[in-house]
């Protein structure tokens, strides 16, 4: 019986979820990005208390690895590593864009041909993004992309693409292609649960010593 603690502080909102064997027990969220650091530890404590669990009951810690807010990622990764080290349990890291796409996929259940494109605002006309298939296979790697009207031109020739995330609205202002669709996806740490449980079963763990967040800015801006 695997009790997993999942949390995300990588974007504008933060959240903590507790799950057992892939089944969500509870979730707490915070919408103020400036409060991520002060929100995280009390939220973890409250969630465990309300569920009659303790830190010692946890089998693993799962955290979003980015891309996203530099400060938010450092808060999340430091907390995840600290807890995993102190409790001597595995660390699971999951790309933020992957979690976002899993949440989007739950909305698009019957569209097996569509591509999923999460977009995280990186200021001006730049976004952190990637492309995933309808079975969550990574099609184009995570990158920092400066948006132009020609972005995604090659992919539009063969696929419908669904865009979402807080970076999508500025893309919508310059994207006129008929194969572009924009959807609202309200995701949080609860959307990590199934992914984290699968990685736990596969024993796909991250190194406490060497794993680092995917900040995104180390990638060169290119046109997909």
N, C-alpha and C. Protein backbone atom coordinates (compact mmCIF):
# COMPACT_ATOMS: atom_id res chain seq x y z
N UNK A 1 0.85 -1.19 0.00
CA UNK A 1 0.00 0.00 0.00
C UNK A 1 0.88 1.24 0.00
N UNK A 2 0.91 1.99 -1.11
CA UNK A 2 1.81 3.12 -1.26
C UNK A 2 1.06 4.43 -1.00
N UNK A 3 1.48 5.14 0.03
CA UNK A 3 0.94 6.46 0.33
C UNK A 3 1.91 7.49 -0.23
N UNK A 4 1.45 8.27 -1.20
CA UNK A 4 2.32 9.23 -1.87
C UNK A 4 1.87 10.65 -1.58
N UNK A 5 2.85 11.51 -1.34
CA UNK A 5 2.60 12.94 -1.19
C UNK A 5 3.09 13.63 -2.45
N UNK A 6 2.19 14.35 -3.12
CA UNK A 6 2.52 15.04 -4.36
C UNK A 6 2.35 16.53 -4.16
N UNK A 7 3.32 17.30 -4.63
CA UNK A 7 3.09 18.75 -4.58
C UNK A 7 3.78 19.48 -5.72
N UNK A 8 3.21 20.66 -5.99
CA UNK A 8 3.66 21.48 -7.11
C UNK A 8 3.69 22.94 -6.70
N UNK A 9 4.81 23.59 -6.94
CA UNK A 9 4.93 25.03 -6.70
C UNK A 9 5.55 25.71 -7.92
N UNK A 10 5.44 25.11 -9.08
CA UNK A 10 6.21 25.55 -10.24
C UNK A 10 5.59 26.71 -11.00
N UNK A 11 4.30 26.99 -10.80
CA UNK A 11 3.65 28.05 -11.58
C UNK A 11 2.91 29.02 -10.66
N UNK A 12 1.89 29.66 -11.18
CA UNK A 12 1.21 30.72 -10.43
C UNK A 12 0.42 30.21 -9.24
N UNK A 13 0.04 28.94 -9.26
CA UNK A 13 -0.66 28.36 -8.13
C UNK A 13 0.14 27.19 -7.57
N UNK A 14 -0.04 26.94 -6.30
CA UNK A 14 0.63 25.81 -5.65
C UNK A 14 -0.42 24.85 -5.12
N UNK A 15 -0.04 23.57 -5.00
CA UNK A 15 -0.99 22.58 -4.51
C UNK A 15 -0.27 21.39 -3.91
N UNK A 16 -0.96 20.72 -3.02
CA UNK A 16 -0.46 19.52 -2.36
C UNK A 16 -1.55 18.47 -2.40
N UNK A 17 -1.19 17.25 -2.77
CA UNK A 17 -2.17 16.16 -2.83
C UNK A 17 -1.63 14.94 -2.11
N UNK A 18 -2.52 14.20 -1.49
CA UNK A 18 -2.17 12.95 -0.83
C UNK A 18 -2.98 11.83 -1.47
N UNK A 19 -2.31 10.73 -1.78
CA UNK A 19 -3.00 9.63 -2.46
C UNK A 19 -2.48 8.29 -1.97
N UNK A 20 -3.35 7.29 -2.02
CA UNK A 20 -2.96 5.94 -1.65
C UNK A 20 -3.29 5.00 -2.79
N UNK A 21 -2.26 4.32 -3.29
CA UNK A 21 -2.43 3.38 -4.40
C UNK A 21 -3.13 4.02 -5.59
N UNK A 22 -2.76 5.26 -5.89
CA UNK A 22 -3.30 5.95 -7.04
C UNK A 22 -4.66 6.58 -6.84
N UNK A 23 -5.20 6.51 -5.63
CA UNK A 23 -6.52 7.08 -5.34
C UNK A 23 -6.34 8.33 -4.49
N UNK A 24 -6.88 9.43 -4.96
CA UNK A 24 -6.73 10.70 -4.26
C UNK A 24 -7.44 10.68 -2.90
N UNK A 25 -6.72 11.11 -1.88
CA UNK A 25 -7.30 11.24 -0.54
C UNK A 25 -7.72 12.68 -0.27
N UNK A 26 -6.87 13.61 -0.63
CA UNK A 26 -7.20 15.02 -0.42
C UNK A 26 -6.22 15.91 -1.14
N UNK A 27 -6.63 17.18 -1.32
CA UNK A 27 -5.78 18.14 -2.02
C UNK A 27 -6.00 19.52 -1.42
N UNK A 28 -4.94 20.32 -1.37
CA UNK A 28 -5.02 21.71 -0.92
C UNK A 28 -4.32 22.58 -1.95
N UNK A 29 -4.88 23.77 -2.20
CA UNK A 29 -4.33 24.65 -3.22
C UNK A 29 -4.13 26.06 -2.69
N UNK A 30 -3.26 26.79 -3.37
CA UNK A 30 -2.99 28.18 -3.04
C UNK A 30 -2.84 28.95 -4.35
N UNK A 31 -3.54 30.06 -4.50
CA UNK A 31 -3.54 30.81 -5.75
C UNK A 31 -2.57 31.99 -5.77
N UNK A 32 -1.97 32.31 -4.63
CA UNK A 32 -1.07 33.46 -4.54
C UNK A 32 0.37 32.99 -4.68
N UNK A 33 0.99 33.31 -5.82
CA UNK A 33 2.34 32.82 -6.10
C UNK A 33 3.35 33.29 -5.06
N UNK A 34 3.15 34.47 -4.49
CA UNK A 34 4.09 34.99 -3.50
C UNK A 34 4.07 34.20 -2.20
N UNK A 35 3.01 33.43 -1.99
CA UNK A 35 2.85 32.69 -0.73
C UNK A 35 3.25 31.22 -0.84
N UNK A 36 3.82 30.80 -1.95
CA UNK A 36 4.12 29.38 -2.13
C UNK A 36 4.98 28.81 -1.01
N UNK A 37 6.01 29.54 -0.62
CA UNK A 37 6.93 29.04 0.41
C UNK A 37 6.22 28.88 1.75
N UNK A 38 5.40 29.86 2.11
CA UNK A 38 4.71 29.80 3.40
C UNK A 38 3.52 28.85 3.36
N UNK A 39 3.00 28.59 2.17
CA UNK A 39 1.84 27.69 2.05
C UNK A 39 2.22 26.23 2.18
N UNK A 40 3.36 25.83 1.64
CA UNK A 40 3.65 24.42 1.41
C UNK A 40 3.68 23.57 2.68
N UNK A 41 4.51 23.91 3.62
CA UNK A 41 4.65 23.06 4.81
C UNK A 41 3.38 23.00 5.66
N UNK A 42 2.69 24.12 5.93
CA UNK A 42 1.41 24.02 6.65
C UNK A 42 0.37 23.19 5.90
N UNK A 43 0.37 23.28 4.57
CA UNK A 43 -0.60 22.51 3.79
C UNK A 43 -0.32 21.02 3.90
N UNK A 44 0.95 20.65 3.85
CA UNK A 44 1.32 19.24 4.02
C UNK A 44 0.89 18.74 5.39
N UNK A 45 1.20 19.52 6.41
CA UNK A 45 0.84 19.13 7.78
C UNK A 45 -0.67 18.97 7.93
N UNK A 46 -1.43 19.95 7.40
CA UNK A 46 -2.89 19.90 7.53
C UNK A 46 -3.48 18.72 6.78
N UNK A 47 -2.97 18.45 5.60
CA UNK A 47 -3.49 17.35 4.78
C UNK A 47 -3.25 16.00 5.46
N UNK A 48 -2.07 15.82 6.00
CA UNK A 48 -1.77 14.58 6.71
C UNK A 48 -2.64 14.45 7.97
N UNK A 49 -2.77 15.55 8.70
CA UNK A 49 -3.58 15.52 9.93
C UNK A 49 -5.04 15.17 9.63
N UNK A 50 -5.61 15.81 8.61
CA UNK A 50 -7.00 15.56 8.25
C UNK A 50 -7.22 14.15 7.76
N UNK A 51 -6.17 13.52 7.26
CA UNK A 51 -6.28 12.15 6.72
C UNK A 51 -5.84 11.10 7.73
N UNK A 52 -5.54 11.55 8.96
CA UNK A 52 -5.06 10.65 10.02
C UNK A 52 -3.82 9.89 9.60
N UNK A 53 -2.92 10.60 8.90
CA UNK A 53 -1.65 10.03 8.48
C UNK A 53 -0.51 10.86 9.06
N UNK A 54 0.68 10.30 9.04
CA UNK A 54 1.87 11.02 9.47
C UNK A 54 2.93 10.94 8.37
N UNK A 55 3.96 11.72 8.52
CA UNK A 55 5.05 11.68 7.55
C UNK A 55 5.67 10.29 7.45
N UNK A 56 5.69 9.58 8.56
CA UNK A 56 6.28 8.24 8.58
C UNK A 56 5.49 7.23 7.77
N UNK A 57 4.24 7.57 7.44
CA UNK A 57 3.41 6.66 6.63
C UNK A 57 3.71 6.78 5.13
N UNK A 58 4.41 7.82 4.75
CA UNK A 58 4.64 8.08 3.33
C UNK A 58 5.61 7.07 2.72
N UNK A 59 5.30 6.68 1.48
CA UNK A 59 6.18 5.76 0.75
C UNK A 59 7.09 6.49 -0.21
N UNK A 60 6.69 7.70 -0.65
CA UNK A 60 7.50 8.48 -1.58
C UNK A 60 6.97 9.90 -1.64
N UNK A 61 7.83 10.80 -2.13
CA UNK A 61 7.46 12.19 -2.36
C UNK A 61 7.54 12.45 -3.86
N UNK A 62 6.50 13.07 -4.42
CA UNK A 62 6.50 13.43 -5.83
C UNK A 62 6.41 14.94 -5.96
N UNK A 63 7.20 15.51 -6.87
CA UNK A 63 7.23 16.96 -7.05
C UNK A 63 7.33 17.28 -8.54
N UNK A 64 6.72 18.39 -8.95
CA UNK A 64 6.88 18.83 -10.32
C UNK A 64 8.28 19.43 -10.48
N UNK A 65 8.92 19.11 -11.59
CA UNK A 65 10.31 19.52 -11.81
C UNK A 65 10.45 20.72 -12.74
N UNK A 66 9.32 21.27 -13.23
CA UNK A 66 9.38 22.42 -14.10
C UNK A 66 9.12 22.04 -15.54
N UNK A 67 9.20 23.03 -16.41
CA UNK A 67 9.66 24.39 -16.17
C UNK A 67 8.62 25.24 -15.46
N UNK A 68 9.03 26.48 -15.14
CA UNK A 68 8.12 27.37 -14.44
C UNK A 68 8.89 28.44 -13.70
N UNK A 69 8.31 28.88 -12.60
CA UNK A 69 8.90 29.93 -11.79
C UNK A 69 10.20 29.46 -11.15
N UNK A 70 11.26 30.23 -11.30
CA UNK A 70 12.55 29.87 -10.72
C UNK A 70 12.44 29.71 -9.20
N UNK A 71 11.85 30.71 -8.55
CA UNK A 71 11.72 30.66 -7.10
C UNK A 71 10.80 29.52 -6.67
N UNK A 72 9.68 29.37 -7.38
CA UNK A 72 8.73 28.32 -7.03
C UNK A 72 9.34 26.94 -7.15
N UNK A 73 10.11 26.71 -8.21
CA UNK A 73 10.76 25.42 -8.40
C UNK A 73 11.77 25.13 -7.30
N UNK A 74 12.50 26.14 -6.90
CA UNK A 74 13.48 25.95 -5.83
C UNK A 74 12.78 25.61 -4.52
N UNK A 75 11.65 26.26 -4.25
CA UNK A 75 10.87 25.97 -3.04
C UNK A 75 10.41 24.52 -3.06
N UNK A 76 9.82 24.10 -4.18
CA UNK A 76 9.30 22.75 -4.27
C UNK A 76 10.37 21.69 -4.19
N UNK A 77 11.45 21.87 -4.95
CA UNK A 77 12.50 20.86 -4.98
C UNK A 77 13.22 20.75 -3.64
N UNK A 78 13.48 21.89 -3.01
CA UNK A 78 14.16 21.87 -1.71
C UNK A 78 13.31 21.13 -0.68
N UNK A 79 12.01 21.40 -0.68
CA UNK A 79 11.12 20.73 0.26
C UNK A 79 11.02 19.24 -0.03
N UNK A 80 10.90 18.88 -1.31
CA UNK A 80 10.78 17.47 -1.68
C UNK A 80 12.04 16.70 -1.32
N UNK A 81 13.19 17.26 -1.65
CA UNK A 81 14.44 16.59 -1.33
C UNK A 81 14.65 16.47 0.17
N UNK A 82 14.32 17.54 0.89
CA UNK A 82 14.48 17.51 2.34
C UNK A 82 13.63 16.45 3.00
N UNK A 83 12.36 16.36 2.58
CA UNK A 83 11.47 15.35 3.15
C UNK A 83 11.91 13.94 2.78
N UNK A 84 12.25 13.74 1.51
CA UNK A 84 12.67 12.41 1.07
C UNK A 84 13.93 11.96 1.79
N UNK A 85 14.86 12.87 1.97
CA UNK A 85 16.11 12.54 2.66
C UNK A 85 15.85 12.23 4.13
N UNK A 86 15.07 13.08 4.80
CA UNK A 86 14.81 12.90 6.22
C UNK A 86 14.03 11.62 6.50
N UNK A 87 13.12 11.27 5.60
CA UNK A 87 12.28 10.09 5.80
C UNK A 87 12.89 8.83 5.18
N UNK A 88 13.98 9.01 4.41
CA UNK A 88 14.65 7.90 3.72
C UNK A 88 13.67 7.18 2.79
N UNK A 89 12.97 7.97 1.98
CA UNK A 89 12.03 7.43 1.00
C UNK A 89 12.37 8.00 -0.38
N UNK A 90 11.88 7.38 -1.45
CA UNK A 90 12.24 7.83 -2.81
C UNK A 90 11.65 9.19 -3.17
N UNK A 91 12.33 9.84 -4.10
CA UNK A 91 11.86 11.09 -4.70
C UNK A 91 11.44 10.81 -6.13
N UNK A 92 10.26 11.31 -6.49
CA UNK A 92 9.74 11.18 -7.85
C UNK A 92 9.57 12.59 -8.41
N UNK A 93 10.18 12.87 -9.55
CA UNK A 93 10.01 14.18 -10.18
C UNK A 93 9.29 14.03 -11.51
N UNK A 94 8.36 14.94 -11.78
CA UNK A 94 7.52 14.87 -12.97
C UNK A 94 7.50 16.25 -13.61
N UNK A 95 7.77 16.33 -14.91
CA UNK A 95 7.75 17.62 -15.60
C UNK A 95 6.38 18.28 -15.49
N UNK A 96 6.39 19.57 -15.24
CA UNK A 96 5.14 20.32 -15.09
C UNK A 96 4.28 20.22 -16.35
N UNK A 97 4.90 20.30 -17.52
CA UNK A 97 4.15 20.21 -18.77
C UNK A 97 3.47 18.85 -18.94
N UNK A 98 4.08 17.81 -18.38
CA UNK A 98 3.50 16.47 -18.45
C UNK A 98 2.25 16.38 -17.58
N UNK A 99 2.33 16.97 -16.39
CA UNK A 99 1.17 16.98 -15.49
C UNK A 99 0.04 17.79 -16.11
N UNK A 100 0.37 18.94 -16.67
CA UNK A 100 -0.64 19.76 -17.33
C UNK A 100 -1.31 19.00 -18.47
N UNK A 101 -0.53 18.26 -19.23
CA UNK A 101 -1.08 17.51 -20.36
C UNK A 101 -1.95 16.35 -19.90
N UNK A 102 -1.59 15.72 -18.81
CA UNK A 102 -2.43 14.66 -18.25
C UNK A 102 -3.79 15.22 -17.84
N UNK A 103 -3.78 16.43 -17.28
CA UNK A 103 -5.04 17.07 -16.90
C UNK A 103 -5.87 17.41 -18.14
N UNK A 104 -5.20 17.89 -19.18
CA UNK A 104 -5.91 18.22 -20.43
C UNK A 104 -6.50 16.97 -21.06
N UNK A 105 -5.76 15.88 -20.99
CA UNK A 105 -6.21 14.63 -21.60
C UNK A 105 -7.52 14.14 -20.98
N UNK A 106 -7.72 14.43 -19.71
CA UNK A 106 -8.96 14.01 -19.05
C UNK A 106 -10.17 14.75 -19.62
N UNK A 107 -9.92 15.91 -20.24
CA UNK A 107 -10.99 16.67 -20.89
C UNK A 107 -11.23 16.15 -22.30
N UNK A 108 -10.17 15.74 -22.97
CA UNK A 108 -10.23 15.31 -24.37
C UNK A 108 -10.18 13.78 -24.48
N UNK A 109 -11.03 13.11 -23.77
CA UNK A 109 -10.96 11.66 -23.65
C UNK A 109 -11.13 10.93 -24.98
N UNK A 110 -11.90 11.48 -25.90
CA UNK A 110 -12.23 10.75 -27.12
C UNK A 110 -11.47 11.22 -28.35
N UNK A 111 -10.48 12.08 -28.16
CA UNK A 111 -9.72 12.59 -29.30
C UNK A 111 -8.32 11.98 -29.29
N UNK A 112 -8.16 10.87 -30.01
CA UNK A 112 -6.90 10.13 -29.98
C UNK A 112 -5.88 10.64 -30.98
N UNK A 113 -6.27 11.59 -31.82
CA UNK A 113 -5.35 12.08 -32.83
C UNK A 113 -4.79 13.46 -32.51
N UNK A 114 -5.33 14.10 -31.51
CA UNK A 114 -4.92 15.46 -31.19
C UNK A 114 -3.55 15.50 -30.53
N UNK A 115 -2.89 16.63 -30.67
CA UNK A 115 -1.66 16.89 -29.93
C UNK A 115 -1.97 17.85 -28.80
N UNK A 116 -1.26 17.71 -27.71
CA UNK A 116 -1.46 18.54 -26.53
C UNK A 116 -0.27 19.48 -26.38
N UNK A 117 -0.56 20.76 -26.18
CA UNK A 117 0.52 21.74 -26.07
C UNK A 117 0.33 22.63 -24.85
N UNK A 118 0.92 22.25 -23.72
CA UNK A 118 0.89 23.11 -22.54
C UNK A 118 1.78 24.32 -22.76
N UNK A 119 1.35 25.47 -22.25
CA UNK A 119 2.15 26.69 -22.37
C UNK A 119 2.21 27.40 -21.02
N UNK A 120 3.42 27.62 -20.55
CA UNK A 120 3.65 28.34 -19.30
C UNK A 120 4.24 29.70 -19.65
N UNK A 121 3.62 30.75 -19.16
CA UNK A 121 4.06 32.10 -19.50
C UNK A 121 5.50 32.34 -19.05
N UNK A 122 6.32 32.84 -19.98
CA UNK A 122 7.71 33.17 -19.67
C UNK A 122 7.99 34.64 -19.98
N UNK A 123 6.94 35.46 -19.96
CA UNK A 123 7.00 36.90 -20.19
C UNK A 123 7.15 37.25 -21.66
N UNK A 124 6.76 38.47 -22.00
CA UNK A 124 6.72 38.96 -23.37
C UNK A 124 6.01 37.92 -24.25
N UNK A 125 6.57 37.57 -25.40
CA UNK A 125 5.94 36.58 -26.27
C UNK A 125 6.63 35.22 -26.15
N UNK A 126 7.20 34.95 -25.02
CA UNK A 126 7.90 33.68 -24.81
C UNK A 126 7.10 32.78 -23.87
N UNK A 127 7.15 31.49 -24.15
CA UNK A 127 6.50 30.50 -23.29
C UNK A 127 7.43 29.30 -23.11
N UNK A 128 7.23 28.60 -22.01
CA UNK A 128 7.82 27.27 -21.86
C UNK A 128 6.77 26.30 -22.38
N UNK A 129 7.17 25.40 -23.25
CA UNK A 129 6.17 24.54 -23.88
C UNK A 129 6.77 23.21 -24.31
N UNK A 130 5.91 22.33 -24.76
CA UNK A 130 6.28 21.03 -25.31
C UNK A 130 5.07 20.51 -26.07
N UNK A 131 5.25 19.44 -26.81
CA UNK A 131 4.13 18.80 -27.49
C UNK A 131 4.04 17.35 -27.06
N UNK A 132 2.80 16.92 -26.74
CA UNK A 132 2.54 15.54 -26.33
C UNK A 132 1.45 14.95 -27.21
N UNK A 133 1.55 13.66 -27.44
CA UNK A 133 0.49 12.96 -28.16
C UNK A 133 -0.66 12.68 -27.19
N UNK A 134 -1.73 12.12 -27.74
CA UNK A 134 -2.90 11.81 -26.92
C UNK A 134 -2.66 10.68 -25.93
N UNK A 135 -1.54 9.96 -26.09
CA UNK A 135 -1.17 8.95 -25.09
C UNK A 135 -0.01 9.43 -24.23
N UNK A 136 0.20 10.77 -24.23
CA UNK A 136 1.21 11.44 -23.41
C UNK A 136 2.64 11.09 -23.80
N UNK A 137 2.83 10.71 -25.05
CA UNK A 137 4.19 10.54 -25.55
C UNK A 137 4.74 11.92 -25.93
N UNK A 138 5.98 12.18 -25.52
CA UNK A 138 6.60 13.47 -25.81
C UNK A 138 6.97 13.54 -27.29
N UNK A 139 6.38 14.50 -28.01
CA UNK A 139 6.61 14.68 -29.44
C UNK A 139 7.71 15.70 -29.70
N UNK A 140 7.63 16.84 -29.02
CA UNK A 140 8.67 17.87 -29.09
C UNK A 140 9.11 18.19 -27.68
N UNK A 141 10.40 18.25 -27.43
CA UNK A 141 10.90 18.42 -26.06
C UNK A 141 10.56 19.77 -25.46
N UNK A 142 10.63 19.83 -24.16
CA UNK A 142 10.40 21.07 -23.44
C UNK A 142 11.40 22.12 -23.90
N UNK A 143 10.89 23.32 -24.20
CA UNK A 143 11.77 24.39 -24.66
C UNK A 143 11.18 25.74 -24.27
N UNK A 144 12.02 26.76 -24.33
CA UNK A 144 11.57 28.14 -24.21
C UNK A 144 11.38 28.66 -25.62
N UNK A 145 10.15 29.00 -25.97
CA UNK A 145 9.80 29.33 -27.35
C UNK A 145 9.31 30.76 -27.45
N UNK A 146 9.91 31.54 -28.36
CA UNK A 146 9.40 32.86 -28.70
C UNK A 146 8.33 32.68 -29.77
N UNK A 147 7.11 33.03 -29.44
CA UNK A 147 5.98 32.79 -30.34
C UNK A 147 5.96 33.77 -31.50
N UNK A 148 5.72 33.24 -32.69
CA UNK A 148 5.51 34.04 -33.91
C UNK A 148 4.32 33.43 -34.64
N UNK A 149 3.74 34.12 -35.60
CA UNK A 149 2.62 33.53 -36.36
C UNK A 149 2.97 32.23 -37.06
N UNK A 150 4.27 31.97 -37.27
CA UNK A 150 4.69 30.76 -37.96
C UNK A 150 4.95 29.57 -37.02
N UNK A 151 4.87 29.81 -35.72
CA UNK A 151 5.10 28.71 -34.77
C UNK A 151 4.14 27.55 -35.02
N UNK A 152 4.64 26.33 -34.92
CA UNK A 152 3.86 25.09 -35.06
C UNK A 152 3.35 24.86 -36.48
N UNK A 153 3.87 25.59 -37.46
CA UNK A 153 3.37 25.47 -38.83
C UNK A 153 3.46 24.03 -39.35
N UNK A 154 4.57 23.38 -39.08
CA UNK A 154 4.75 22.01 -39.58
C UNK A 154 3.76 21.04 -38.92
N UNK A 155 3.56 21.18 -37.62
CA UNK A 155 2.65 20.27 -36.90
C UNK A 155 1.20 20.51 -37.29
N UNK A 156 0.85 21.75 -37.62
CA UNK A 156 -0.53 22.05 -38.02
C UNK A 156 -0.92 21.35 -39.32
N UNK A 157 0.05 21.01 -40.15
CA UNK A 157 -0.25 20.36 -41.42
C UNK A 157 -0.89 18.99 -41.24
N UNK A 158 -0.59 18.35 -40.11
CA UNK A 158 -1.04 16.97 -39.91
C UNK A 158 -1.93 16.75 -38.69
N UNK A 159 -2.02 17.73 -37.82
CA UNK A 159 -2.70 17.47 -36.55
C UNK A 159 -3.49 18.67 -36.04
N UNK A 160 -4.51 18.38 -35.29
CA UNK A 160 -5.15 19.40 -34.48
C UNK A 160 -4.33 19.53 -33.19
N UNK A 161 -4.13 20.74 -32.73
CA UNK A 161 -3.34 20.96 -31.53
C UNK A 161 -4.19 21.74 -30.52
N UNK A 162 -4.23 21.23 -29.30
CA UNK A 162 -4.95 21.89 -28.22
C UNK A 162 -3.95 22.61 -27.32
N UNK A 163 -4.14 23.92 -27.17
CA UNK A 163 -3.25 24.76 -26.38
C UNK A 163 -3.92 25.14 -25.07
N UNK A 164 -3.13 25.19 -24.01
CA UNK A 164 -3.68 25.50 -22.69
C UNK A 164 -2.55 25.96 -21.78
N UNK A 165 -2.91 26.51 -20.64
CA UNK A 165 -1.94 27.05 -19.70
C UNK A 165 -1.94 28.56 -19.73
N UNK A 166 -1.25 29.19 -18.78
CA UNK A 166 -1.32 30.65 -18.68
C UNK A 166 -0.55 31.37 -19.78
N UNK A 167 0.21 30.63 -20.60
CA UNK A 167 0.89 31.23 -21.74
C UNK A 167 0.08 31.18 -23.01
N UNK A 168 -1.00 30.40 -23.02
CA UNK A 168 -1.79 30.20 -24.24
C UNK A 168 -2.54 31.45 -24.71
N UNK A 169 -3.08 32.29 -23.83
CA UNK A 169 -3.84 33.45 -24.31
C UNK A 169 -3.06 34.37 -25.24
N UNK A 170 -1.76 34.60 -24.97
CA UNK A 170 -1.02 35.50 -25.86
C UNK A 170 -0.74 34.84 -27.22
N UNK A 171 -0.64 33.51 -27.24
CA UNK A 171 -0.51 32.79 -28.51
C UNK A 171 -1.81 32.88 -29.29
N UNK A 172 -2.92 32.86 -28.59
CA UNK A 172 -4.23 32.92 -29.24
C UNK A 172 -4.42 34.23 -30.00
N UNK A 173 -3.75 35.30 -29.55
CA UNK A 173 -3.91 36.60 -30.21
C UNK A 173 -3.25 36.65 -31.58
N UNK A 174 -2.29 35.76 -31.84
CA UNK A 174 -1.60 35.79 -33.14
C UNK A 174 -1.75 34.51 -33.93
N UNK A 175 -2.42 33.52 -33.38
CA UNK A 175 -2.58 32.23 -34.05
C UNK A 175 -3.96 32.17 -34.73
N UNK A 176 -3.95 32.04 -36.03
CA UNK A 176 -5.21 32.02 -36.79
C UNK A 176 -5.46 30.69 -37.50
N UNK A 177 -4.63 29.69 -37.23
CA UNK A 177 -4.76 28.43 -37.96
C UNK A 177 -6.02 27.67 -37.52
N UNK A 178 -6.75 27.09 -38.46
CA UNK A 178 -7.99 26.36 -38.12
C UNK A 178 -7.75 25.09 -37.30
N UNK A 179 -6.52 24.59 -37.27
CA UNK A 179 -6.22 23.39 -36.47
C UNK A 179 -5.77 23.73 -35.06
N UNK A 180 -5.86 24.99 -34.68
CA UNK A 180 -5.50 25.40 -33.33
C UNK A 180 -6.76 25.55 -32.48
N UNK A 181 -6.75 24.91 -31.32
CA UNK A 181 -7.88 24.98 -30.40
C UNK A 181 -7.36 25.35 -29.01
N UNK A 182 -8.12 26.17 -28.32
CA UNK A 182 -7.70 26.66 -27.01
C UNK A 182 -8.70 26.21 -25.95
N UNK A 183 -8.20 25.57 -24.91
CA UNK A 183 -9.07 25.03 -23.86
C UNK A 183 -8.57 25.49 -22.49
N UNK A 184 -9.50 25.55 -21.55
CA UNK A 184 -9.17 25.87 -20.17
C UNK A 184 -8.88 24.58 -19.41
N UNK A 185 -7.72 24.50 -18.81
CA UNK A 185 -7.34 23.32 -18.03
C UNK A 185 -6.96 23.78 -16.62
N UNK A 186 -7.78 23.44 -15.66
CA UNK A 186 -7.50 23.78 -14.27
C UNK A 186 -6.84 22.58 -13.59
N UNK A 187 -5.53 22.57 -13.55
CA UNK A 187 -4.78 21.43 -13.05
C UNK A 187 -4.16 21.77 -11.70
N UNK A 188 -3.90 20.72 -10.92
CA UNK A 188 -3.19 20.88 -9.66
C UNK A 188 -2.51 19.56 -9.31
N UNK A 189 -2.02 19.45 -8.09
CA UNK A 189 -1.27 18.26 -7.69
C UNK A 189 -2.09 16.98 -7.76
N UNK A 190 -3.41 17.09 -7.75
CA UNK A 190 -4.25 15.90 -7.88
C UNK A 190 -4.01 15.21 -9.22
N UNK A 191 -3.63 15.99 -10.23
CA UNK A 191 -3.36 15.42 -11.55
C UNK A 191 -2.02 14.72 -11.62
N UNK A 192 -1.23 14.83 -10.55
CA UNK A 192 0.04 14.11 -10.47
C UNK A 192 -0.14 12.69 -9.97
N UNK A 193 -1.26 12.42 -9.33
CA UNK A 193 -1.44 11.18 -8.57
C UNK A 193 -1.23 9.93 -9.42
N UNK A 194 -1.96 9.83 -10.54
CA UNK A 194 -1.83 8.64 -11.39
C UNK A 194 -0.43 8.49 -11.97
N UNK A 195 0.16 9.62 -12.38
CA UNK A 195 1.51 9.59 -12.94
C UNK A 195 2.52 9.16 -11.88
N UNK A 196 2.41 9.72 -10.69
CA UNK A 196 3.35 9.40 -9.62
C UNK A 196 3.23 7.94 -9.18
N UNK A 197 1.99 7.45 -9.11
CA UNK A 197 1.80 6.06 -8.70
C UNK A 197 2.41 5.09 -9.72
N UNK A 198 2.27 5.42 -11.00
CA UNK A 198 2.87 4.58 -12.04
C UNK A 198 4.39 4.58 -11.95
N UNK A 199 4.97 5.75 -11.74
CA UNK A 199 6.43 5.84 -11.61
C UNK A 199 6.91 5.12 -10.35
N UNK A 200 6.11 5.18 -9.30
CA UNK A 200 6.47 4.46 -8.07
C UNK A 200 6.49 2.96 -8.31
N UNK A 201 5.48 2.45 -9.00
CA UNK A 201 5.42 1.02 -9.29
C UNK A 201 6.58 0.59 -10.18
N UNK A 202 7.01 1.49 -11.06
CA UNK A 202 8.14 1.19 -11.95
C UNK A 202 9.48 1.43 -11.27
N UNK A 203 9.44 1.93 -10.05
CA UNK A 203 10.66 2.30 -9.31
C UNK A 203 11.51 3.31 -10.10
N UNK A 204 10.80 4.22 -10.75
CA UNK A 204 11.47 5.27 -11.52
C UNK A 204 11.66 6.49 -10.63
N UNK A 205 12.76 6.48 -9.89
CA UNK A 205 13.01 7.50 -8.88
C UNK A 205 14.10 8.47 -9.33
N UNK A 206 14.08 9.65 -8.76
CA UNK A 206 15.09 10.66 -9.06
C UNK A 206 16.17 10.66 -7.98
N UNK A 207 17.35 11.01 -8.38
CA UNK A 207 18.48 11.05 -7.45
C UNK A 207 18.36 12.24 -6.50
N UNK A 208 18.48 11.98 -5.21
CA UNK A 208 18.46 13.07 -4.25
C UNK A 208 19.69 13.96 -4.41
N UNK A 209 20.77 13.38 -4.85
CA UNK A 209 22.02 14.13 -4.96
C UNK A 209 22.12 14.94 -6.25
N UNK A 210 21.61 14.40 -7.34
CA UNK A 210 21.90 15.00 -8.64
C UNK A 210 20.69 15.57 -9.39
N UNK A 211 19.49 15.27 -8.99
CA UNK A 211 18.33 15.79 -9.71
C UNK A 211 18.17 17.29 -9.45
N UNK A 212 17.82 18.02 -10.50
CA UNK A 212 17.62 19.46 -10.41
C UNK A 212 16.36 19.84 -11.18
N UNK A 213 15.77 20.98 -10.86
CA UNK A 213 14.59 21.41 -11.60
C UNK A 213 14.90 21.72 -13.05
N UNK A 214 13.87 21.65 -13.89
CA UNK A 214 13.97 22.06 -15.29
C UNK A 214 13.53 23.52 -15.34
N UNK A 215 14.47 24.44 -15.22
CA UNK A 215 14.11 25.85 -15.16
C UNK A 215 13.59 26.37 -16.50
N UNK A 216 14.04 25.79 -17.59
CA UNK A 216 13.54 26.18 -18.90
C UNK A 216 14.39 27.18 -19.63
N UNK A 217 14.96 28.13 -18.93
CA UNK A 217 15.72 29.18 -19.60
C UNK A 217 17.06 28.69 -20.13
N UNK A 218 17.48 27.48 -19.71
CA UNK A 218 18.72 26.96 -20.28
C UNK A 218 18.53 26.52 -21.72
N UNK A 219 17.25 26.38 -22.15
CA UNK A 219 16.98 26.02 -23.54
C UNK A 219 17.03 27.26 -24.41
N UNK A 220 17.55 27.13 -25.64
CA UNK A 220 17.55 28.23 -26.57
C UNK A 220 16.15 28.36 -27.18
N UNK A 221 15.70 29.59 -27.35
CA UNK A 221 14.39 29.83 -27.95
C UNK A 221 14.43 29.46 -29.43
N UNK A 222 13.50 28.60 -29.82
CA UNK A 222 13.43 28.16 -31.21
C UNK A 222 12.00 28.14 -31.67
N UNK A 223 11.79 27.96 -32.93
CA UNK A 223 10.45 27.80 -33.46
C UNK A 223 10.19 26.32 -33.66
N UNK A 224 9.10 25.82 -33.08
CA UNK A 224 8.74 24.42 -33.22
C UNK A 224 8.06 24.21 -34.57
